[in-house]
Amino acid sequence: MKRAILFFLMLILTGCTFIREEMLENYSYGPVGWIKDPHFAHYKKDCEALESQYLKENISYADYLEKKKVLDDQYDLEVQERNAIIRGEENQPR
């Protein structure tokens, strides 16, 4: 019985030492794979599209700033609404 327990402990230790460093780095430093925030992902995609338009000189800098402010305000509102829901408040900002 003692040998079986010792054998299983050695298997566990051996398995833990063979975990690739790459897997650990991805898990600890890149939480993108396991944490998803749809509000931020949508905001980031829209900001990148807006920035791309500006860099391609399709819109002026003033238009870029105006549209960026609208995106920022919309994202802030969505975050406030989400936080209100999480806190359980009934009067959510709209």
C-alpha atoms as a PDB file:
ATOM      1  CA  MET A   1       0.000   0.000   0.000  1.00  0.00           C
ATOM      2  CA  LYS A   2       2.842   2.371   0.884  1.00  0.00           C
ATOM      3  CA  ARG A   3       4.534   1.604  -2.413  1.00  0.00           C
ATOM      4  CA  ALA A   4       1.347   2.393  -4.341  1.00  0.00           C
ATOM      5  CA  ILE A   5       0.978   5.763  -2.617  1.00  0.00           C
ATOM      6  CA  LEU A   6       4.641   6.544  -3.217  1.00  0.00           C
ATOM      7  CA  PHE A   7       4.280   5.494  -6.860  1.00  0.00           C
ATOM      8  CA  PHE A   8       1.274   7.811  -7.387  1.00  0.00           C
ATOM      9  CA  LEU A   9       3.075  10.716  -5.711  1.00  0.00           C
ATOM     10  CA  MET A  10       6.047  10.182  -8.016  1.00  0.00           C
ATOM     11  CA  LEU A  11       3.716  10.132 -11.050  1.00  0.00           C
ATOM     12  CA  ILE A  12       2.133  13.416  -9.985  1.00  0.00           C
ATOM     13  CA  LEU A  13       5.529  15.048  -9.427  1.00  0.00           C
ATOM     14  CA  THR A  14       6.780  13.781 -12.761  1.00  0.00           C
ATOM     15  CA  GLY A  15       3.679  15.053 -14.538  1.00  0.00           C
ATOM     16  CA  CYS A  16       4.010  18.486 -12.950  1.00  0.00           C
ATOM     17  CA  THR A  17       7.620  18.827 -14.055  1.00  0.00           C
ATOM     18  CA  PHE A  18       6.776  18.086 -17.663  1.00  0.00           C
ATOM     19  CA  ILE A  19       4.338  20.980 -18.038  1.00  0.00           C
ATOM     20  CA  ARG A  20       5.767  23.150 -20.739  1.00  0.00           C
ATOM     21  CA  GLU A  21       6.824  26.643 -19.753  1.00  0.00           C
ATOM     22  CA  GLU A  22       4.948  27.951 -22.767  1.00  0.00           C
ATOM     23  CA  MET A  23       1.673  26.636 -21.353  1.00  0.00           C
ATOM     24  CA  LEU A  24       2.328  28.325 -18.027  1.00  0.00           C
ATOM     25  CA  GLU A  25       3.241  31.630 -19.685  1.00  0.00           C
ATOM     26  CA  ASN A  26       0.089  31.610 -21.778  1.00  0.00           C
ATOM     27  CA  TYR A  27      -2.038  30.930 -18.726  1.00  0.00           C
ATOM     28  CA  SER A  28      -0.486  33.458 -16.374  1.00  0.00           C
ATOM     29  CA  TYR A  29       0.410  36.295 -18.730  1.00  0.00           C
ATOM     30  CA  GLY A  30      -2.175  35.941 -21.461  1.00  0.00           C
ATOM     31  CA  PRO A  31      -5.612  35.615 -19.914  1.00  0.00           C
ATOM     32  CA  VAL A  32      -7.172  36.495 -23.259  1.00  0.00           C
ATOM     33  CA  GLY A  33      -8.037  32.872 -23.831  1.00  0.00           C
ATOM     34  CA  TRP A  34     -10.052  32.438 -20.669  1.00  0.00           C
ATOM     35  CA  ILE A  35     -11.381  35.920 -19.862  1.00  0.00           C
ATOM     36  CA  LYS A  36     -13.765  37.504 -22.321  1.00  0.00           C
ATOM     37  CA  ASP A  37     -15.324  40.949 -22.037  1.00  0.00           C
ATOM     38  CA  PRO A  38     -17.693  41.478 -24.958  1.00  0.00           C
ATOM     39  CA  HIS A  39     -18.068  45.196 -24.213  1.00  0.00           C
ATOM     40  CA  PHE A  40     -14.337  45.814 -24.369  1.00  0.00           C
ATOM     41  CA  ALA A  41     -13.845  43.563 -27.398  1.00  0.00           C
ATOM     42  CA  HIS A  42     -16.500  45.480 -29.331  1.00  0.00           C
ATOM     43  CA  TYR A  43     -15.079  48.828 -28.162  1.00  0.00           C
ATOM     44  CA  LYS A  44     -11.545  47.827 -29.147  1.00  0.00           C
ATOM     45  CA  LYS A  45     -12.665  46.636 -32.590  1.00  0.00           C
ATOM     46  CA  ASP A  46     -14.520  49.910 -33.219  1.00  0.00           C
ATOM     47  CA  CYS A  47     -11.549  51.995 -32.022  1.00  0.00           C
ATOM     48  CA  GLU A  48      -9.173  50.106 -34.291  1.00  0.00           C
ATOM     49  CA  ALA A  49     -11.490  50.600 -37.270  1.00  0.00           C
ATOM     50  CA  LEU A  50     -11.758  54.303 -36.489  1.00  0.00           C
ATOM     51  CA  GLU A  51      -8.002  54.649 -36.128  1.00  0.00           C
ATOM     52  CA  SER A  52      -7.512  52.815 -39.405  1.00  0.00           C
ATOM     53  CA  GLN A  53      -9.817  55.287 -41.149  1.00  0.00           C
ATOM     54  CA  TYR A  54      -7.817  58.181 -39.731  1.00  0.00           C
ATOM     55  CA  LEU A  55      -4.467  56.656 -40.704  1.00  0.00           C
ATOM     56  CA  LYS A  56      -5.713  56.050 -44.237  1.00  0.00           C
ATOM     57  CA  GLU A  57      -6.692  59.739 -44.267  1.00  0.00           C
ATOM     58  CA  ASN A  58     -10.372  58.964 -44.878  1.00  0.00           C
ATOM     59  CA  ILE A  59     -11.392  61.236 -41.991  1.00  0.00           C
ATOM     60  CA  SER A  60      -9.855  64.340 -40.458  1.00  0.00           C
ATOM     61  CA  TYR A  61      -8.287  64.463 -37.001  1.00  0.00           C
ATOM     62  CA  ALA A  62     -11.216  66.506 -35.682  1.00  0.00           C
ATOM     63  CA  ASP A  63     -13.661  63.860 -36.938  1.00  0.00           C
ATOM     64  CA  TYR A  64     -11.485  61.143 -35.429  1.00  0.00           C
ATOM     65  CA  LEU A  65     -11.503  62.837 -32.024  1.00  0.00           C
ATOM     66  CA  GLU A  66     -15.255  63.428 -32.163  1.00  0.00           C
ATOM     67  CA  LYS A  67     -16.036  59.812 -33.079  1.00  0.00           C
ATOM     68  CA  LYS A  68     -13.519  58.518 -30.526  1.00  0.00           C
ATOM     69  CA  LYS A  69     -15.239  60.543 -27.790  1.00  0.00           C
ATOM     70  CA  VAL A  70     -18.611  59.067 -28.802  1.00  0.00           C
ATOM     71  CA  LEU A  71     -17.133  55.548 -28.615  1.00  0.00           C
ATOM     72  CA  ASP A  72     -15.534  56.286 -25.230  1.00  0.00           C
ATOM     73  CA  ASP A  73     -18.782  57.669 -23.828  1.00  0.00           C
ATOM     74  CA  GLN A  74     -20.764  54.695 -25.121  1.00  0.00           C
ATOM     75  CA  TYR A  75     -18.269  52.240 -23.627  1.00  0.00           C
ATOM     76  CA  ASP A  76     -18.317  54.048 -20.273  1.00  0.00           C
ATOM     77  CA  LEU A  77     -22.116  53.879 -20.224  1.00  0.00           C
ATOM     78  CA  GLU A  78     -22.090  50.151 -20.984  1.00  0.00           C
ATOM     79  CA  VAL A  79     -19.591  49.548 -18.187  1.00  0.00           C
ATOM     80  CA  GLN A  80     -21.707  51.563 -15.729  1.00  0.00           C
ATOM     81  CA  GLU A  81     -24.796  49.571 -16.706  1.00  0.00           C
ATOM     82  CA  ARG A  82     -22.942  46.290 -16.293  1.00  0.00           C
ATOM     83  CA  ASN A  83     -21.562  47.307 -12.906  1.00  0.00           C
ATOM     84  CA  ALA A  84     -25.031  48.387 -11.765  1.00  0.00           C
ATOM     85  CA  ILE A  85     -26.406  44.981 -12.748  1.00  0.00           C
ATOM     86  CA  ILE A  86     -23.587  43.236 -10.896  1.00  0.00           C
ATOM     87  CA  ARG A  87     -24.235  45.311  -7.765  1.00  0.00           C
ATOM     88  CA  GLY A  88     -27.944  44.551  -8.068  1.00  0.00           C
ATOM     89  CA  GLU A  89     -29.093  48.142  -8.383  1.00  0.00           C
ATOM     90  CA  GLU A  90     -32.518  48.582  -9.935  1.00  0.00           C
ATOM     91  CA  ASN A  91     -32.080  52.110 -11.295  1.00  0.00           C
ATOM     92  CA  GLN A  92     -29.566  51.477 -14.010  1.00  0.00           C
ATOM     93  CA  PRO A  93     -28.161  54.433 -15.970  1.00  0.00           C
ATOM     94  CA  ARG A  94     -29.401  54.572 -19.543  1.00  0.00           C
END
